[in-house]
Protein backbone atom coordinates (compact mmCIF):
# COMPACT_ATOMS: atom_id res chain seq x y z
CA UNK A 1 9.61 6.17 94.47
CA UNK A 2 7.34 3.17 94.13
CA UNK A 3 5.57 0.76 96.46
CA UNK A 4 7.35 -2.32 95.01
CA UNK A 5 9.40 -2.93 98.16
CA UNK A 6 6.90 -1.58 100.71
CA UNK A 7 5.99 -4.22 103.29
CA UNK A 8 3.19 -3.52 105.81
CA UNK A 9 4.61 -6.28 107.99
CA UNK A 10 2.64 -7.38 111.03
CA UNK A 11 0.75 -4.10 111.35
CA UNK A 12 -2.69 -3.25 110.00
CA UNK A 13 -1.96 -1.05 107.01
CA UNK A 14 -4.63 1.36 105.76
CA UNK A 15 -3.60 1.02 102.09
CA UNK A 16 -2.20 -2.53 101.80
CA UNK A 17 -3.64 -5.87 102.96
CA UNK A 18 -0.25 -7.55 102.35
CA UNK A 19 3.00 -6.83 100.54
CA UNK A 20 2.12 -5.90 96.96
CA UNK A 21 -1.63 -6.23 97.59
CA UNK A 22 -3.45 -2.91 97.82
CA UNK A 23 -6.85 -2.60 99.46
CA UNK A 24 -9.60 -2.21 96.80
CA UNK A 25 -10.39 1.42 97.69
CA UNK A 26 -6.67 2.33 97.45
CA UNK A 27 -5.89 0.57 94.17
CA UNK A 28 -6.12 3.67 91.93
CA UNK A 29 -3.94 5.71 94.30
CA UNK A 30 -1.25 3.02 94.42
CA UNK A 31 -1.34 2.64 90.64
CA UNK A 32 -1.02 6.39 90.13
CA UNK A 33 1.95 6.77 92.49
CA UNK A 34 3.73 3.78 90.96
CA UNK A 35 3.32 5.32 87.49
CA UNK A 36 5.03 8.60 88.40
CA UNK A 37 8.45 9.42 86.99
CA UNK A 38 11.41 9.13 89.37
CA UNK A 39 11.49 12.08 91.77
CA UNK A 40 7.99 13.29 90.84
CA UNK A 41 6.32 12.23 94.09
CA UNK A 42 9.04 13.93 96.13
CA UNK A 43 8.57 17.07 94.03
CA UNK A 44 4.81 17.05 94.65
CA UNK A 45 5.45 16.50 98.36
CA UNK A 46 7.66 19.58 98.50
CA UNK A 47 5.20 21.67 96.50
CA UNK A 48 2.38 20.64 98.86
CA UNK A 49 4.39 21.54 101.96
CA UNK A 50 5.37 24.90 100.43
CA UNK A 51 1.71 25.59 99.60
CA UNK A 52 0.74 25.03 103.24
CA UNK A 53 3.54 27.36 104.28
CA UNK A 54 2.20 30.09 102.00
CA UNK A 55 -1.34 29.52 103.28
CA UNK A 56 -0.03 30.13 106.81
CA UNK A 57 -1.29 26.82 108.22
CA UNK A 58 0.65 27.07 111.47
CA UNK A 59 0.37 25.94 115.06
CA UNK A 60 2.23 26.99 118.19
CA UNK A 61 4.20 24.96 120.70
CA UNK A 62 4.25 26.77 124.04
CA UNK A 63 7.40 24.98 125.23
CA UNK A 64 9.36 25.69 122.05
CA UNK A 65 12.17 28.11 122.87
CA UNK A 66 13.07 28.59 119.19
CA UNK A 67 9.84 30.33 118.20
CA UNK A 68 6.11 30.27 118.72
CA UNK A 69 4.90 29.11 115.31
CA UNK A 70 5.54 26.03 113.18
CA UNK A 71 4.14 24.61 109.97
CA UNK A 72 2.52 21.29 110.71
CA UNK A 73 4.41 18.61 108.72
CA UNK A 74 2.30 17.17 105.92
CA UNK A 75 2.63 13.85 104.11
CA UNK A 76 1.26 13.56 100.60
CA UNK A 77 0.22 9.89 100.78
CA UNK A 78 -3.42 10.02 101.98
CA UNK A 79 -5.26 7.72 104.33
CA UNK A 80 -8.24 6.02 102.66
CA UNK A 81 -11.43 4.82 104.34
CA UNK A 82 -14.10 2.96 102.36
CA UNK A 83 -17.56 4.54 102.22
CA UNK A 84 -19.03 1.39 103.73
CA UNK A 85 -16.70 1.52 106.72
CA UNK A 86 -17.28 5.24 107.09
CA UNK A 87 -21.04 4.68 107.29
CA UNK A 88 -20.46 2.41 110.30
CA UNK A 89 -18.10 4.93 111.95
CA UNK A 90 -20.64 7.69 111.37
CA UNK A 91 -23.36 5.65 113.06
CA UNK A 92 -21.13 4.99 116.07
CA UNK A 93 -20.10 8.63 116.40
CA UNK A 94 -23.69 9.84 116.28
CA UNK A 95 -24.66 7.39 119.01
CA UNK A 96 -21.76 8.47 121.21
CA UNK A 97 -22.32 12.22 120.85
CA UNK A 98 -26.06 11.90 121.40
CA UNK A 99 -25.51 9.95 124.63
CA UNK A 100 -22.77 12.28 125.90
CA UNK A 101 -25.02 15.27 125.30
CA UNK A 102 -27.76 13.63 127.38
CA UNK A 103 -25.18 12.90 130.08
CA UNK A 104 -23.97 16.51 130.26
CA UNK A 105 -27.54 17.81 130.38
CA UNK A 106 -28.37 15.36 133.17
CA UNK A 107 -25.39 16.09 135.43
CA UNK A 108 -26.11 19.82 135.30
CA UNK A 109 -29.79 19.10 135.79
CA UNK A 110 -31.56 16.28 137.63
CA UNK A 111 -28.46 14.04 137.99
CA UNK A 112 -30.47 10.87 137.47
CA UNK A 113 -27.38 8.92 136.41
CA UNK A 114 -25.78 9.76 139.77
CA UNK A 115 -28.91 8.94 141.76
CA UNK A 116 -29.19 5.59 139.99
CA UNK A 117 -25.60 4.70 140.90
CA UNK A 118 -24.20 4.46 137.39
CA UNK A 119 -21.54 7.16 137.94
CA UNK A 120 -19.97 7.50 141.42
CA UNK A 121 -20.77 11.01 142.74
CA UNK A 122 -17.20 11.54 143.95
CA UNK A 123 -15.86 11.12 140.42
CA UNK A 124 -18.10 13.89 139.17
CA UNK A 125 -17.25 16.25 142.02
CA UNK A 126 -13.53 15.71 141.46
CA UNK A 127 -13.68 16.18 137.67
CA UNK A 128 -11.81 19.37 136.76
CA UNK A 129 -14.19 19.99 133.88
CA UNK A 130 -17.29 19.93 136.07
CA UNK A 131 -18.35 23.53 136.71
CA UNK A 132 -20.69 24.33 139.58
CA UNK A 133 -21.76 27.68 138.02
CA UNK A 134 -23.27 25.69 135.12
CA UNK A 135 -25.80 23.88 137.32
CA UNK A 136 -29.28 24.56 136.03
CA UNK A 137 -28.11 25.83 132.63
CA UNK A 138 -30.48 25.18 129.75
CA UNK A 139 -28.72 25.83 126.42
CA UNK A 140 -30.83 26.25 123.25
CA UNK A 141 -32.64 23.03 122.22
CA UNK A 142 -30.85 21.21 125.04
CA UNK A 143 -27.66 20.86 122.99
CA UNK A 144 -24.38 21.26 124.86
CA UNK A 145 -21.73 19.79 122.55
CA UNK A 146 -22.15 21.52 119.20
CA UNK A 147 -18.66 20.79 117.85
CA UNK A 148 -16.83 17.60 118.77
CA UNK A 149 -13.57 16.02 117.68
CA UNK A 150 -13.47 12.34 118.63
CA UNK A 151 -10.11 10.59 118.39
CA UNK A 152 -10.26 7.12 116.84
CA UNK A 153 -7.56 4.49 116.39
CA UNK A 154 -7.41 1.14 114.66
CA UNK A 155 -5.61 -1.78 116.29
CA UNK A 156 -3.59 -4.62 114.80
CA UNK A 157 -6.77 -6.61 114.17
CA UNK A 158 -8.26 -3.76 112.11
CA UNK A 159 -10.86 -2.97 114.76
CA UNK A 160 -11.69 0.67 115.52
CA UNK A 161 -11.62 2.12 119.04
CA UNK A 162 -12.44 5.50 120.52
CA UNK A 163 -9.25 6.79 122.11
CA UNK A 164 -10.67 9.96 123.67
CA UNK A 165 -13.41 12.57 123.41
CA UNK A 166 -12.84 16.29 122.76
CA UNK A 167 -15.98 18.28 123.54
CA UNK A 168 -14.53 21.51 124.90
CA UNK A 169 -12.65 23.33 122.12
CA UNK A 170 -11.58 20.66 119.60
CA UNK A 171 -9.06 21.89 117.04
CA UNK A 172 -7.63 20.66 113.74
CA UNK A 173 -10.44 21.09 111.22
CA UNK A 174 -8.57 23.88 109.41
CA UNK A 175 -5.80 21.41 108.55
CA UNK A 176 -8.41 19.03 107.12
CA UNK A 177 -9.60 21.76 104.75
CA UNK A 178 -6.16 23.05 103.83
CA UNK A 179 -4.74 19.55 103.37
CA UNK A 180 -7.53 18.77 100.93
CA UNK A 181 -6.88 21.98 99.03
CA UNK A 182 -3.25 21.09 98.38
CA UNK A 183 -4.09 17.44 97.62
CA UNK A 184 -6.48 18.49 94.86
CA UNK A 185 -3.57 20.32 93.28
CA UNK A 186 -1.19 17.42 93.90
CA UNK A 187 -3.39 14.68 92.40
CA UNK A 188 -6.04 16.35 90.22
CA UNK A 189 -6.28 13.25 88.04
CA UNK A 190 -7.31 11.07 91.02
CA UNK A 191 -10.02 13.47 92.15
CA UNK A 192 -11.46 13.08 88.65
CA UNK A 193 -11.38 9.28 88.75
CA UNK A 194 -12.19 8.42 92.38
CA UNK A 195 -15.43 9.11 94.26
CA UNK A 196 -13.82 11.02 97.15
CA UNK A 197 -16.30 12.67 99.49
CA UNK A 198 -15.74 16.46 99.58
CA UNK A 199 -14.82 18.31 102.77
CA UNK A 200 -14.91 21.93 101.60
CA UNK A 201 -18.43 22.61 102.88
CA UNK A 202 -17.51 22.32 106.58
CA UNK A 203 -17.59 26.12 107.21
CA UNK A 204 -21.16 26.34 105.86
CA UNK A 205 -22.25 23.43 108.06
CA UNK A 206 -20.55 25.07 111.05
CA UNK A 207 -22.21 28.42 110.40
CA UNK A 208 -25.60 26.72 110.06
CA UNK A 209 -25.02 24.98 113.40
CA UNK A 210 -24.13 28.29 115.07
CA UNK A 211 -27.05 30.21 113.57
CA UNK A 212 -29.35 27.46 114.83
CA UNK A 213 -28.40 28.54 118.39
CA UNK A 214 -29.47 32.15 118.00
CA UNK A 215 -32.43 33.36 120.07
CA UNK A 216 -35.67 33.04 118.04
CA UNK A 217 -37.20 35.85 115.99
CA UNK A 218 -33.89 37.53 115.18
CA UNK A 219 -33.81 38.44 111.47
CA UNK A 220 -30.02 38.66 111.21
CA UNK A 221 -28.20 37.21 114.22
CA UNK A 222 -24.58 38.16 114.82
CA UNK A 223 -22.08 35.31 115.19
CA UNK A 224 -18.47 35.76 116.33
CA UNK A 225 -15.47 33.52 116.88
CA UNK A 226 -13.88 34.23 120.27
CA UNK A 227 -10.11 33.63 120.35
CA UNK A 228 -7.57 34.04 123.18
CA UNK A 229 -5.37 35.87 120.69
CA UNK A 230 -2.42 35.47 118.37
CA UNK A 231 -0.29 33.51 120.82
CA UNK A 232 -2.77 30.65 121.13
CA UNK A 233 -1.57 27.39 119.56
CA UNK A 234 -4.60 27.23 117.24
CA UNK A 235 -4.89 30.91 116.31
CA UNK A 236 -4.50 30.13 112.60
CA UNK A 237 -7.59 27.96 112.82
CA UNK A 238 -9.61 30.61 114.68
CA UNK A 239 -8.91 33.24 112.04
CA UNK A 240 -9.34 30.75 109.21
CA UNK A 241 -12.81 29.63 110.34
CA UNK A 242 -13.99 33.18 111.00
CA UNK A 243 -12.88 34.18 107.50
CA UNK A 244 -14.46 31.12 105.89
CA UNK A 245 -17.80 31.71 107.67
CA UNK A 246 -17.73 35.46 107.01
CA UNK A 247 -18.01 36.40 110.71
CA UNK A 248 -15.94 38.55 113.05
CA UNK A 249 -12.92 37.19 114.93
CA UNK A 250 -12.86 38.81 118.37
CA UNK A 251 -10.90 38.72 121.61
CA UNK A 252 -12.32 39.28 125.06
CA UNK A 253 -11.23 42.92 124.99
CA UNK A 254 -13.49 43.46 121.95
CA UNK A 255 -16.59 42.45 123.94
CA UNK A 256 -18.47 44.06 126.81
CA UNK A 257 -21.74 43.46 128.66
CA UNK A 258 -24.02 46.51 128.34
CA UNK A 259 -27.76 46.73 129.08
CA UNK A 260 -27.93 43.00 129.79
CA UNK A 261 -26.52 41.94 126.42
CA UNK A 262 -23.13 40.91 125.10
CA UNK A 263 -21.94 43.67 122.80
CA UNK A 264 -19.05 43.96 120.35
CA UNK A 265 -17.04 47.14 119.99
CA UNK A 266 -17.00 48.31 116.38
CA UNK A 267 -15.98 51.50 114.57
CA UNK A 268 -19.68 52.39 114.45
CA UNK A 269 -20.31 51.78 118.16
CA UNK A 270 -21.57 48.77 120.08
CA UNK A 271 -23.22 45.86 118.23
CA UNK A 272 -25.17 43.08 119.93
CA UNK A 273 -23.65 39.58 119.71
CA UNK A 274 -26.05 36.64 119.62
CA UNK A 275 -23.85 33.56 119.17
CA UNK A 276 -20.27 32.99 120.32
CA UNK A 277 -18.15 30.18 118.91
CA UNK A 278 -15.65 30.09 121.73
CA UNK A 279 -12.10 28.86 121.40
CA UNK A 280 -11.33 29.71 125.03
CA UNK A 281 -11.50 27.20 127.87
CA UNK A 282 -14.47 27.49 130.21
CA UNK A 283 -12.74 28.93 133.25
CA UNK A 284 -11.30 31.87 131.29
CA UNK A 285 -14.67 33.00 129.90
CA UNK A 286 -15.83 35.22 132.76
CA UNK A 287 -13.55 36.42 135.59
CA UNK A 288 -16.62 37.13 137.76
CA UNK A 289 -17.84 33.51 137.55
CA UNK A 290 -14.61 31.52 137.23
CA UNK A 291 -11.00 32.69 137.36
CA UNK A 292 -10.73 36.27 138.64
CA UNK A 293 -7.24 36.56 137.13
CA UNK A 294 -8.44 35.87 133.59
CA UNK A 295 -7.76 38.63 131.08
CA UNK A 296 -9.18 36.63 128.17
CA UNK A 297 -12.88 36.63 128.95
CA UNK A 298 -15.65 39.14 129.52
CA UNK A 299 -16.89 40.22 132.98
CA UNK A 300 -20.61 39.45 133.29
CA UNK A 301 -20.63 36.99 130.37
CA UNK A 302 -22.04 34.16 132.52
CA UNK A 303 -25.04 36.18 133.67
CA UNK A 304 -25.99 37.06 130.08
CA UNK A 305 -25.48 33.43 129.06
CA UNK A 306 -27.67 32.08 131.86
CA UNK A 307 -30.42 34.52 130.94
CA UNK A 308 -30.54 33.12 127.40
CA UNK A 309 -29.57 36.42 125.74
CA UNK A 310 -26.47 34.93 124.12
CA UNK A 311 -25.65 31.40 122.97
CA UNK A 312 -22.26 29.68 123.19
CA UNK A 313 -20.78 26.78 121.28
CA UNK A 314 -19.70 24.65 122.88
CA UNK A 315 -21.81 25.24 125.97
CA UNK A 316 -19.84 25.93 129.14
CA UNK A 317 -19.37 22.79 131.21
CA UNK A 318 -18.92 20.34 128.35
CA UNK A 319 -15.30 19.77 129.36
CA UNK A 320 -16.46 17.30 132.00
CA UNK A 321 -16.88 14.75 129.18
CA UNK A 322 -13.22 15.22 128.16
CA UNK A 323 -12.13 13.79 131.51
CA UNK A 324 -10.48 10.45 130.76
CA UNK A 325 -12.00 8.89 133.87
CA UNK A 326 -15.49 9.85 132.69
CA UNK A 327 -14.46 8.42 129.29
CA UNK A 328 -14.16 5.00 130.91
CA UNK A 329 -17.86 5.16 131.80
CA UNK A 330 -19.12 5.98 128.28
CA UNK A 331 -20.29 2.38 127.63
CA UNK A 332 -22.47 2.62 130.76
CA UNK A 333 -23.59 6.13 129.77
CA UNK A 334 -24.77 4.90 126.36
CA UNK A 335 -26.56 1.94 127.90
CA UNK A 336 -28.19 4.11 130.58
CA UNK A 337 -29.58 6.82 128.29
CA UNK A 338 -30.15 4.89 125.06
CA UNK A 339 -30.62 1.28 126.18
CA UNK A 340 -28.03 0.24 123.58
CA UNK A 341 -24.56 -1.26 123.51
CA UNK A 342 -21.94 1.11 122.20
CA UNK A 343 -21.17 0.74 118.52
CA UNK A 344 -17.63 2.12 118.70
CA UNK A 345 -15.82 0.50 121.65
CA UNK A 346 -13.56 2.26 124.11
CA UNK A 347 -9.97 1.20 124.59
CA UNK A 348 -9.92 -1.04 127.73
CA UNK A 349 -9.13 1.32 130.61
CA UNK A 350 -7.81 0.89 134.14
CA UNK A 351 -8.90 3.50 136.69
CA UNK A 352 -6.17 4.29 139.18
CA UNK A 353 -8.63 5.58 141.80
CA UNK A 354 -9.73 1.93 142.21
CA UNK A 355 -7.24 0.19 144.51
CA UNK A 356 -7.19 -3.17 142.69
CA UNK A 357 -6.85 -1.58 139.29
CA UNK A 358 -4.17 0.79 140.60
CA UNK A 359 -2.14 -2.15 141.95
CA UNK A 360 -2.29 -3.77 138.52
CA UNK A 361 -1.18 -0.56 136.82
CA UNK A 362 1.73 -0.01 139.20
CA UNK A 363 2.87 -3.59 138.62
CA UNK A 364 2.72 -3.31 134.83
CA UNK A 365 3.92 0.21 134.01
CA UNK A 366 6.35 -1.20 131.44
CA UNK A 367 3.45 -2.57 129.39
CA UNK A 368 0.82 0.18 129.70
CA UNK A 369 0.15 3.70 128.52
CA UNK A 370 -0.58 5.97 131.49
CA UNK A 371 -2.48 9.22 130.90
CA UNK A 372 -3.41 12.17 133.05
CA UNK A 373 -7.20 12.53 133.18
CA UNK A 374 -7.21 16.15 132.03
CA UNK A 375 -4.12 16.59 129.85
CA UNK A 376 -4.07 16.57 126.05
CA UNK A 377 -1.64 17.02 123.18
CA UNK A 378 0.53 14.07 124.25
CA UNK A 379 1.44 15.71 127.57
CA UNK A 380 1.15 14.03 130.98
CA UNK A 381 1.57 10.62 129.39
CA UNK A 382 3.85 7.61 129.86
CA UNK A 383 4.25 5.07 127.06
CA UNK A 384 5.49 2.18 129.15
CA UNK A 385 7.07 0.15 126.34
CA UNK A 386 9.25 3.13 125.39
CA UNK A 387 9.98 4.39 128.92
CA UNK A 388 12.98 4.26 131.22
CA UNK A 389 12.96 2.88 134.75
CA UNK A 390 13.36 6.44 136.05
CA UNK A 391 10.29 7.62 134.12
CA UNK A 392 8.24 4.70 135.41
CA UNK A 393 9.32 5.43 138.98
CA UNK A 394 8.28 9.07 138.54
CA UNK A 395 4.86 8.10 137.23
CA UNK A 396 4.36 5.58 140.02
CA UNK A 397 4.86 8.43 142.49
CA UNK A 398 2.41 10.62 140.56
CA UNK A 399 -0.22 7.89 140.52
CA UNK A 400 0.10 7.19 144.24
CA UNK A 401 -0.03 10.89 145.07
CA UNK A 402 -3.13 11.56 142.92
CA UNK A 403 -4.79 8.31 141.82
CA UNK A 404 -7.99 10.05 140.62
CA UNK A 405 -5.95 11.93 138.04
CA UNK A 406 -4.63 8.89 136.14
CA UNK A 407 -5.87 6.11 133.92
CA UNK A 408 -3.94 3.39 132.12
CA UNK A 409 -4.57 1.49 128.91
CA UNK A 410 -2.85 -1.35 127.07
CA UNK A 411 -0.39 -0.28 124.40
CA UNK A 412 -2.28 -0.50 121.13
CA UNK A 413 -0.59 -1.63 117.96
CA UNK A 414 -1.86 1.34 115.94
CA UNK A 415 -2.55 0.97 112.23
CA UNK A 416 -0.11 2.49 109.78
CA UNK A 417 -0.09 4.33 106.46
CA UNK A 418 2.84 4.48 104.01
CA UNK A 419 4.66 7.77 104.62
CA UNK A 420 7.63 9.43 102.94
CA UNK A 421 10.62 9.36 105.28
CA UNK A 422 14.07 10.12 103.85
CA UNK A 423 12.91 9.48 100.27
CA UNK A 424 11.42 6.07 100.90
CA UNK A 425 8.07 4.71 102.04
CA UNK A 426 7.81 3.69 105.66
CA UNK A 427 4.72 2.61 107.57
CA UNK A 428 3.94 5.23 110.22
CA UNK A 429 1.29 5.00 112.93
CA UNK A 430 -1.85 7.12 112.60
CA UNK A 431 -5.01 8.09 114.42
CA UNK A 432 -8.12 9.83 113.10
CA UNK A 433 -10.13 12.77 114.43
CA UNK A 434 -13.53 13.11 112.72
CA UNK A 435 -15.54 16.26 113.45
CA UNK A 436 -19.17 16.10 114.55
CA UNK A 437 -21.62 19.02 114.48
CA UNK A 438 -24.77 18.92 116.60
CA UNK A 439 -27.41 21.40 115.43
CA UNK A 440 -30.94 20.44 114.48
CA UNK A 441 -29.45 17.02 113.70
CA UNK A 442 -26.09 15.37 114.26
CA UNK A 443 -23.78 15.72 111.26
CA UNK A 444 -20.48 13.84 110.91
CA UNK A 445 -18.09 15.52 108.48
CA UNK A 446 -16.61 12.92 106.09
CA UNK A 447 -13.00 11.98 106.76
CA UNK A 448 -11.39 14.05 109.47
CA UNK A 449 -7.83 14.80 110.51
CA UNK A 450 -5.40 11.92 110.14
CA UNK A 451 -2.45 12.58 112.41
CA UNK A 452 0.74 10.63 111.75
CA UNK A 453 3.73 9.84 113.97
CA UNK A 454 6.71 10.96 111.89
CA UNK A 455 9.36 9.60 114.24
CA UNK A 456 10.25 6.01 113.37
CA UNK A 457 8.49 3.59 115.70
CA UNK A 458 6.70 6.37 117.60
CA UNK A 459 3.08 6.00 118.67
CA UNK A 460 2.65 9.71 119.50
CA UNK A 461 0.90 11.53 116.65
CA UNK A 462 0.36 14.97 118.23
CA UNK A 463 1.85 17.87 116.28
CA UNK A 464 3.33 19.27 119.49
CA UNK A 465 5.24 15.98 119.90
CA UNK A 466 6.67 15.75 116.39
CA UNK A 467 3.65 14.40 114.52
CA UNK A 468 2.26 15.51 111.18
CA UNK A 469 -0.93 15.11 109.19
CA UNK A 470 -2.38 13.48 106.09
CA UNK A 471 -5.45 14.01 103.99
CA UNK A 472 -8.27 11.54 104.69
CA UNK A 473 -10.23 10.20 101.74
CA UNK A 474 -13.63 8.58 102.22
CA UNK A 475 -13.97 6.68 98.95
CA UNK A 476 -16.97 4.90 97.47
CA UNK A 477 -16.18 1.38 96.33
């Protein structure tokens, strides 16, 4: 298998600038693959997928009637980003996360951005992620969004856009680390020749971020990862990160509030918990404060949290920034708090709660991508160019019934990366989710999770919708 006949066509290709012309940062990779004996790349692909299977890198699909766990498909051809371009992305991500953190702190505090008319108050009140019990919260050092996964895409012109923000419980970093592990085995010669930024130190950066949240003057704070349990779609990641950080993985039933503190049940009795890395959505955390039917959280957790006797990452209430209607206001949010134009632009967005914009959306459903404001994973979405008239009619009814809950965006011509499909290279669409840690400073982990649409012509990269993943190499020129 060689790249001799591969044609990037009219799309922006991450490895090739034209047919037969590799991008400078990808030249060694292309040369190496072209030099392999017939069948060798396919063999390495199979070995890599088998290695991920043995490592247990799984995810769950709740609607899958054939079983709860799957191995995320992996493609051995990596995505490459130049170090120079990455430096610009890093700068834009830091700006965005800093501004969003100020926004979250403000809306649960003085609400200056509402008073000054930048964000309509009704939009905030109707945001599902806005939690009244979090009003007045003051998390350690004023940081709310400690771990963020921001989804980026590149359009036909090669320009980067922010597709959406994930500030609540972003997942996927375990695949970044495991993908890199198998790629080092697959192409050891390239890791010796190319200046590829390492990713293995993410767990130590994460642990440092979490320890930074602990109440002061504690000689040895206790950190735990809180999981909903084995049936959660990202349970592999929860257990993986706990193991990598050397901390306990717990469920709500392992925790209890005693004497005003959050305590963990152990074989030696109760042990105080100081920092919780939660992988449970906000409204399941405490049945006394949020959903009384929740069996996942801990009764009384919110009271201990508000008192400052336990820290949580991410802070409760951050999910308001995941709302895709709030997303549309991020350029104004950055300008309001920082006095700057955004570095990484949003995808142009139509808000269906606005009558004029809604009329445009309803008249152009065949050309737009319609998204529910609070869904993720490729659910609650209409890709107009690939939809039927019946599907468009259904979404028109949904929009008219609940306009606040929908946005629409133009269909982007997503960039592509050569991918092995049926023993030949085919350009498949990709996005990128870098991971950002906010502790004493803001740290952007190099690379991120490249998700790839493995169905020919598909724009949907989510693993639950048939997508896979690739390793992401940030390479010095």
